[in-house]
C-alpha atoms as a PDB file:
ATOM      1  CA  MET A   1      88.674 141.669  82.614  1.00  0.00           C
ATOM      2  CA  ILE A   2      89.562 141.763  86.322  1.00  0.00           C
ATOM      3  CA  LEU A   3      86.328 143.580  87.114  1.00  0.00           C
ATOM      4  CA  GLY A   4      84.394 140.922  85.154  1.00  0.00           C
ATOM      5  CA  GLU A   5      86.045 138.106  87.103  1.00  0.00           C
ATOM      6  CA  ILE A   6      85.253 139.794  90.415  1.00  0.00           C
ATOM      7  CA  LYS A   7      81.615 140.251  89.348  1.00  0.00           C
ATOM      8  CA  ARG A   8      81.429 136.629  88.255  1.00  0.00           C
ATOM      9  CA  TYR A   9      82.890 135.455  91.567  1.00  0.00           C
ATOM     10  CA  LEU A  10      80.401 137.509  93.559  1.00  0.00           C
ATOM     11  CA  ARG A  11      77.496 136.478  91.313  1.00  0.00           C
ATOM     12  CA  ASP A  12      78.243 132.757  91.412  1.00  0.00           C
ATOM     13  CA  GLY A  13      79.428 132.657  95.006  1.00  0.00           C
ATOM     14  CA  ASN A  14      80.721 129.145  94.417  1.00  0.00           C
ATOM     15  CA  SER A  15      84.051 127.822  95.546  1.00  0.00           C
ATOM     16  CA  LEU A  16      84.230 125.710  92.372  1.00  0.00           C
ATOM     17  CA  ARG A  17      84.206 127.097  88.848  1.00  0.00           C
ATOM     18  CA  VAL A  18      81.536 125.468  86.719  1.00  0.00           C
ATOM     19  CA  SER A  19      81.433 126.294  83.025  1.00  0.00           C
ATOM     20  CA  ARG A  20      78.593 128.445  81.789  1.00  0.00           C
ATOM     21  CA  SER A  21      77.290 125.769  79.400  1.00  0.00           C
ATOM     22  CA  ILE A  22      76.968 123.236  82.213  1.00  0.00           C
ATOM     23  CA  ARG A  23      75.245 125.786  84.453  1.00  0.00           C
ATOM     24  CA  ASP A  24      72.864 126.676  81.604  1.00  0.00           C
ATOM     25  CA  THR A  25      72.064 122.995  81.103  1.00  0.00           C
ATOM     26  CA  ALA A  26      71.459 122.598  84.839  1.00  0.00           C
ATOM     27  CA  TYR A  27      69.071 125.545  84.938  1.00  0.00           C
ATOM     28  CA  GLN A  28      67.223 124.200  81.885  1.00  0.00           C
ATOM     29  CA  VAL A  29      66.962 120.842  83.665  1.00  0.00           C
ATOM     30  CA  LEU A  30      65.492 122.594  86.701  1.00  0.00           C
ATOM     31  CA  LYS A  31      62.929 124.399  84.515  1.00  0.00           C
ATOM     32  CA  VAL A  32      61.949 121.184  82.727  1.00  0.00           C
ATOM     33  CA  ARG A  33      61.691 119.348  86.046  1.00  0.00           C
ATOM     34  CA  GLU A  34      59.463 122.096  87.421  1.00  0.00           C
ATOM     35  CA  LYS A  35      57.285 121.918  84.288  1.00  0.00           C
ATOM     36  CA  LEU A  36      57.008 118.117  84.484  1.00  0.00           C
ATOM     37  CA  GLU A  37      56.180 118.174  88.201  1.00  0.00           C
ATOM     38  CA  VAL A  38      52.935 120.003  87.391  1.00  0.00           C
ATOM     39  CA  ASP A  39      51.655 116.943  85.481  1.00  0.00           C
ATOM     40  CA  ASP A  40      53.579 114.146  87.195  1.00  0.00           C
ATOM     41  CA  GLU A  41      54.579 113.831  90.830  1.00  0.00           C
ATOM     42  CA  ASP A  42      57.392 111.344  90.144  1.00  0.00           C
ATOM     43  CA  VAL A  43      59.848 113.070  87.784  1.00  0.00           C
ATOM     44  CA  THR A  44      62.978 111.038  87.027  1.00  0.00           C
ATOM     45  CA  TYR A  45      66.216 111.866  85.244  1.00  0.00           C
ATOM     46  CA  ASP A  46      65.017 109.658  82.380  1.00  0.00           C
ATOM     47  CA  LYS A  47      61.899 111.748  81.873  1.00  0.00           C
ATOM     48  CA  ILE A  48      63.855 114.999  82.021  1.00  0.00           C
ATOM     49  CA  ALA A  49      66.463 113.698  79.569  1.00  0.00           C
ATOM     50  CA  LYS A  50      63.762 112.537  77.166  1.00  0.00           C
ATOM     51  CA  GLU A  51      62.007 115.907  77.339  1.00  0.00           C
ATOM     52  CA  MET A  52      65.269 117.792  76.716  1.00  0.00           C
ATOM     53  CA  ASN A  53      66.635 115.349  74.127  1.00  0.00           C
ATOM     54  CA  ILE A  54      69.891 114.815  76.020  1.00  0.00           C
ATOM     55  CA  ALA A  55      71.531 111.851  77.737  1.00  0.00           C
ATOM     56  CA  VAL A  56      70.551 110.911  81.286  1.00  0.00           C
ATOM     57  CA  SER A  57      74.200 111.218  82.302  1.00  0.00           C
ATOM     58  CA  GLU A  58      74.174 114.870  81.151  1.00  0.00           C
ATOM     59  CA  VAL A  59      71.181 115.585  83.381  1.00  0.00           C
ATOM     60  CA  ALA A  60      72.869 114.010  86.384  1.00  0.00           C
ATOM     61  CA  TYR A  61      76.187 115.712  85.640  1.00  0.00           C
ATOM     62  CA  ALA A  62      74.606 119.152  85.245  1.00  0.00           C
ATOM     63  CA  LEU A  63      72.620 118.914  88.480  1.00  0.00           C
ATOM     64  CA  ASP A  64      75.642 117.588  90.340  1.00  0.00           C
ATOM     65  CA  ALA A  65      77.764 120.473  89.036  1.00  0.00           C
ATOM     66  CA  ILE A  66      75.531 123.159  90.522  1.00  0.00           C
ATOM     67  CA  SER A  67      75.049 121.480  93.891  1.00  0.00           C
ATOM     68  CA  ASP A  68      77.043 122.902  96.753  1.00  0.00           C
ATOM     69  CA  PRO A  69      80.199 121.022  97.718  1.00  0.00           C
ATOM     70  CA  VAL A  70      79.999 119.148 101.013  1.00  0.00           C
ATOM     71  CA  SER A  71      82.853 118.646 103.416  1.00  0.00           C
ATOM     72  CA  LEU A  72      83.898 115.096 104.207  1.00  0.00           C
ATOM     73  CA  TYR A  73      83.787 116.185 107.834  1.00  0.00           C
ATOM     74  CA  GLU A  74      80.132 117.209 107.570  1.00  0.00           C
ATOM     75  CA  PRO A  75      78.100 115.480 110.296  1.00  0.00           C
ATOM     76  CA  VAL A  76      75.324 113.333 108.827  1.00  0.00           C
ATOM     77  CA  TYR A  77      74.068 111.917 112.122  1.00  0.00           C
ATOM     78  CA  ASN A  78      74.393 113.085 115.692  1.00  0.00           C
ATOM     79  CA  LYS A  79      72.846 111.305 118.650  1.00  0.00           C
ATOM     80  CA  SER A  80      73.898 111.759 122.254  1.00  0.00           C
ATOM     81  CA  GLY A  81      77.365 113.010 121.365  1.00  0.00           C
ATOM     82  CA  ASP A  82      78.121 110.245 118.833  1.00  0.00           C
ATOM     83  CA  THR A  83      78.685 112.100 115.598  1.00  0.00           C
ATOM     84  CA  LEU A  84      78.782 110.224 112.316  1.00  0.00           C
ATOM     85  CA  LEU A  85      80.656 112.073 109.578  1.00  0.00           C
ATOM     86  CA  LEU A  86      80.181 111.793 105.837  1.00  0.00           C
ATOM     87  CA  MET A  87      83.746 110.439 105.667  1.00  0.00           C
ATOM     88  CA  ASP A  88      82.658 107.500 107.839  1.00  0.00           C
ATOM     89  CA  GLN A  89      80.062 106.551 105.225  1.00  0.00           C
ATOM     90  CA  ILE A  90      82.517 106.388 102.336  1.00  0.00           C
ATOM     91  CA  PHE A  91      84.169 103.033 101.813  1.00  0.00           C
ATOM     92  CA  ASP A  92      86.210 101.814  98.887  1.00  0.00           C
ATOM     93  CA  VAL A  93      85.947  98.036  98.581  1.00  0.00           C
ATOM     94  CA  LYS A  94      88.705  97.880  95.989  1.00  0.00           C
ATOM     95  CA  ASN A  95      91.338  99.999  97.756  1.00  0.00           C
ATOM     96  CA  ASN A  96      90.890  99.591 101.493  1.00  0.00           C
ATOM     97  CA  ASP A  97      93.684  99.000 104.018  1.00  0.00           C
ATOM     98  CA  GLU A  98      93.060  95.269 104.212  1.00  0.00           C
ATOM     99  CA  VAL A  99      93.398  94.779 100.441  1.00  0.00           C
ATOM    100  CA  TRP A 100      96.614  96.839 100.358  1.00  0.00           C
ATOM    101  CA  THR A 101      98.096  94.851 103.225  1.00  0.00           C
ATOM    102  CA  GLU A 102      97.212  91.557 101.557  1.00  0.00           C
ATOM    103  CA  LYS A 103      98.718  92.695  98.252  1.00  0.00           C
ATOM    104  CA  ALA A 104     101.928  93.831  99.942  1.00  0.00           C
ATOM    105  CA  ALA A 105     102.227  90.515 101.781  1.00  0.00           C
ATOM    106  CA  LEU A 106     101.548  88.585  98.563  1.00  0.00           C
ATOM    107  CA  TYR A 107     104.132  90.541  96.558  1.00  0.00           C
ATOM    108  CA  ASP A 108     106.675  90.037  99.337  1.00  0.00           C
ATOM    109  CA  ALA A 109     105.981  86.296  99.455  1.00  0.00           C
ATOM    110  CA  ILE A 110     106.230  85.953  95.657  1.00  0.00           C
ATOM    111  CA  SER A 111     109.492  87.890  95.599  1.00  0.00           C
ATOM    112  CA  ARG A 112     111.036  85.241  97.883  1.00  0.00           C
ATOM    113  CA  LEU A 113     110.376  82.433  95.379  1.00  0.00           C
ATOM    114  CA  GLU A 114     113.001  81.104  92.993  1.00  0.00           C
ATOM    115  CA  GLY A 115     112.892  82.126  89.342  1.00  0.00           C
ATOM    116  CA  ARG A 116     111.451  78.874  87.989  1.00  0.00           C
ATOM    117  CA  GLU A 117     108.692  78.782  90.618  1.00  0.00           C
ATOM    118  CA  LYS A 118     107.797  82.415  89.882  1.00  0.00           C
ATOM    119  CA  LYS A 119     107.611  81.635  86.180  1.00  0.00           C
ATOM    120  CA  ILE A 120     105.394  78.590  86.767  1.00  0.00           C
ATOM    121  CA  LEU A 121     102.988  80.569  88.948  1.00  0.00           C
ATOM    122  CA  PHE A 122     102.939  83.426  86.438  1.00  0.00           C
ATOM    123  CA  LEU A 123     102.189  81.114  83.527  1.00  0.00           C
ATOM    124  CA  ARG A 124      99.586  79.191  85.541  1.00  0.00           C
ATOM    125  CA  TYR A 125      97.656  82.006  87.230  1.00  0.00           C
ATOM    126  CA  PHE A 126      98.299  85.103  85.116  1.00  0.00           C
ATOM    127  CA  GLU A 127      98.367  83.580  81.654  1.00  0.00           C
ATOM    128  CA  GLY A 128      95.954  80.740  82.492  1.00  0.00           C
ATOM    129  CA  LYS A 129      98.068  77.953  81.019  1.00  0.00           C
ATOM    130  CA  THR A 130      97.658  74.298  81.963  1.00  0.00           C
ATOM    131  CA  GLN A 131     100.371  72.322  83.723  1.00  0.00           C
ATOM    132  CA  THR A 132     100.990  70.394  80.499  1.00  0.00           C
ATOM    133  CA  GLU A 133     101.491  73.604  78.500  1.00  0.00           C
ATOM    134  CA  ILE A 134     103.846  74.924  81.181  1.00  0.00           C
ATOM    135  CA  SER A 135     105.828  71.670  81.207  1.00  0.00           C
ATOM    136  CA  GLN A 136     106.414  71.948  77.462  1.00  0.00           C
ATOM    137  CA  GLU A 137     107.431  75.605  77.744  1.00  0.00           C
ATOM    138  CA  VAL A 138     109.755  75.165  80.733  1.00  0.00           C
ATOM    139  CA  GLY A 139     111.121  71.802  79.589  1.00  0.00           C
ATOM    140  CA  ILE A 140     110.184  69.625  82.588  1.00  0.00           C
ATOM    141  CA  SER A 141     107.491  66.990  83.170  1.00  0.00           C
ATOM    142  CA  GLN A 142     103.925  67.846  84.113  1.00  0.00           C
ATOM    143  CA  ALA A 143     104.415  66.075  87.449  1.00  0.00           C
ATOM    144  CA  GLN A 144     107.415  68.311  88.226  1.00  0.00           C
ATOM    145  CA  VAL A 145     105.336  71.381  87.337  1.00  0.00           C
ATOM    146  CA  SER A 146     102.628  70.173  89.718  1.00  0.00           C
ATOM    147  CA  ARG A 147     105.152  69.617  92.563  1.00  0.00           C
ATOM    148  CA  LEU A 148     106.840  72.986  92.019  1.00  0.00           C
ATOM    149  CA  GLU A 149     103.473  74.743  91.917  1.00  0.00           C
ATOM    150  CA  LYS A 150     102.368  73.097  95.181  1.00  0.00           C
ATOM    151  CA  THR A 151     105.687  73.931  96.853  1.00  0.00           C
ATOM    152  CA  ALA A 152     105.507  77.551  95.707  1.00  0.00           C
ATOM    153  CA  LEU A 153     101.928  77.937  96.952  1.00  0.00           C
ATOM    154  CA  LYS A 154     102.880  76.430 100.334  1.00  0.00           C
ATOM    155  CA  GLN A 155     105.793  78.875 100.629  1.00  0.00           C
ATOM    156  CA  ILE A 156     103.514  81.798  99.820  1.00  0.00           C
ATOM    157  CA  LYS A 157     100.934  80.643 102.394  1.00  0.00           C
ATOM    158  CA  SER A 158     103.605  80.251 105.070  1.00  0.00           C
ATOM    159  CA  CYS A 159     104.968  83.758 104.368  1.00  0.00           C
ATOM    160  CA  ILE A 160     101.523  85.337 104.522  1.00  0.00           C
ATOM    161  CA  SER A 161     100.316  83.512 107.639  1.00  0.00           C
END
């Protein structure tokens, strides 16, 4: 068993272990692509998937699995000493530093509100209730709900600014 694992490691030469079935699929994809390129210059994943009777996502997944891993510190551009790394090209719109900072400031500002104001904002903006519905639930007039909501929003804005 140990000898088999050593042979496999030397044969594959990959730092990542990819299952045999995925590798087999990838090599079949490569064969089909090669076959299709004889007739058609523009071979897409859709055409390969249709020829093999598998999903397009399987084609993409299989080819991605056999590609060599790339370091995030791999230079993708280098001109006159200014190196641009792959890491510099990756950007997460949803979880960047600015969004985290804004969320932290917002949570801090909300935590400083009184209980009734928190509840009004929660019902209004998280549950989507109208001021009239909130007034019935909390037991105050709609005008009071409106004033408390405005006051709470002003407090939040002043804390964040």
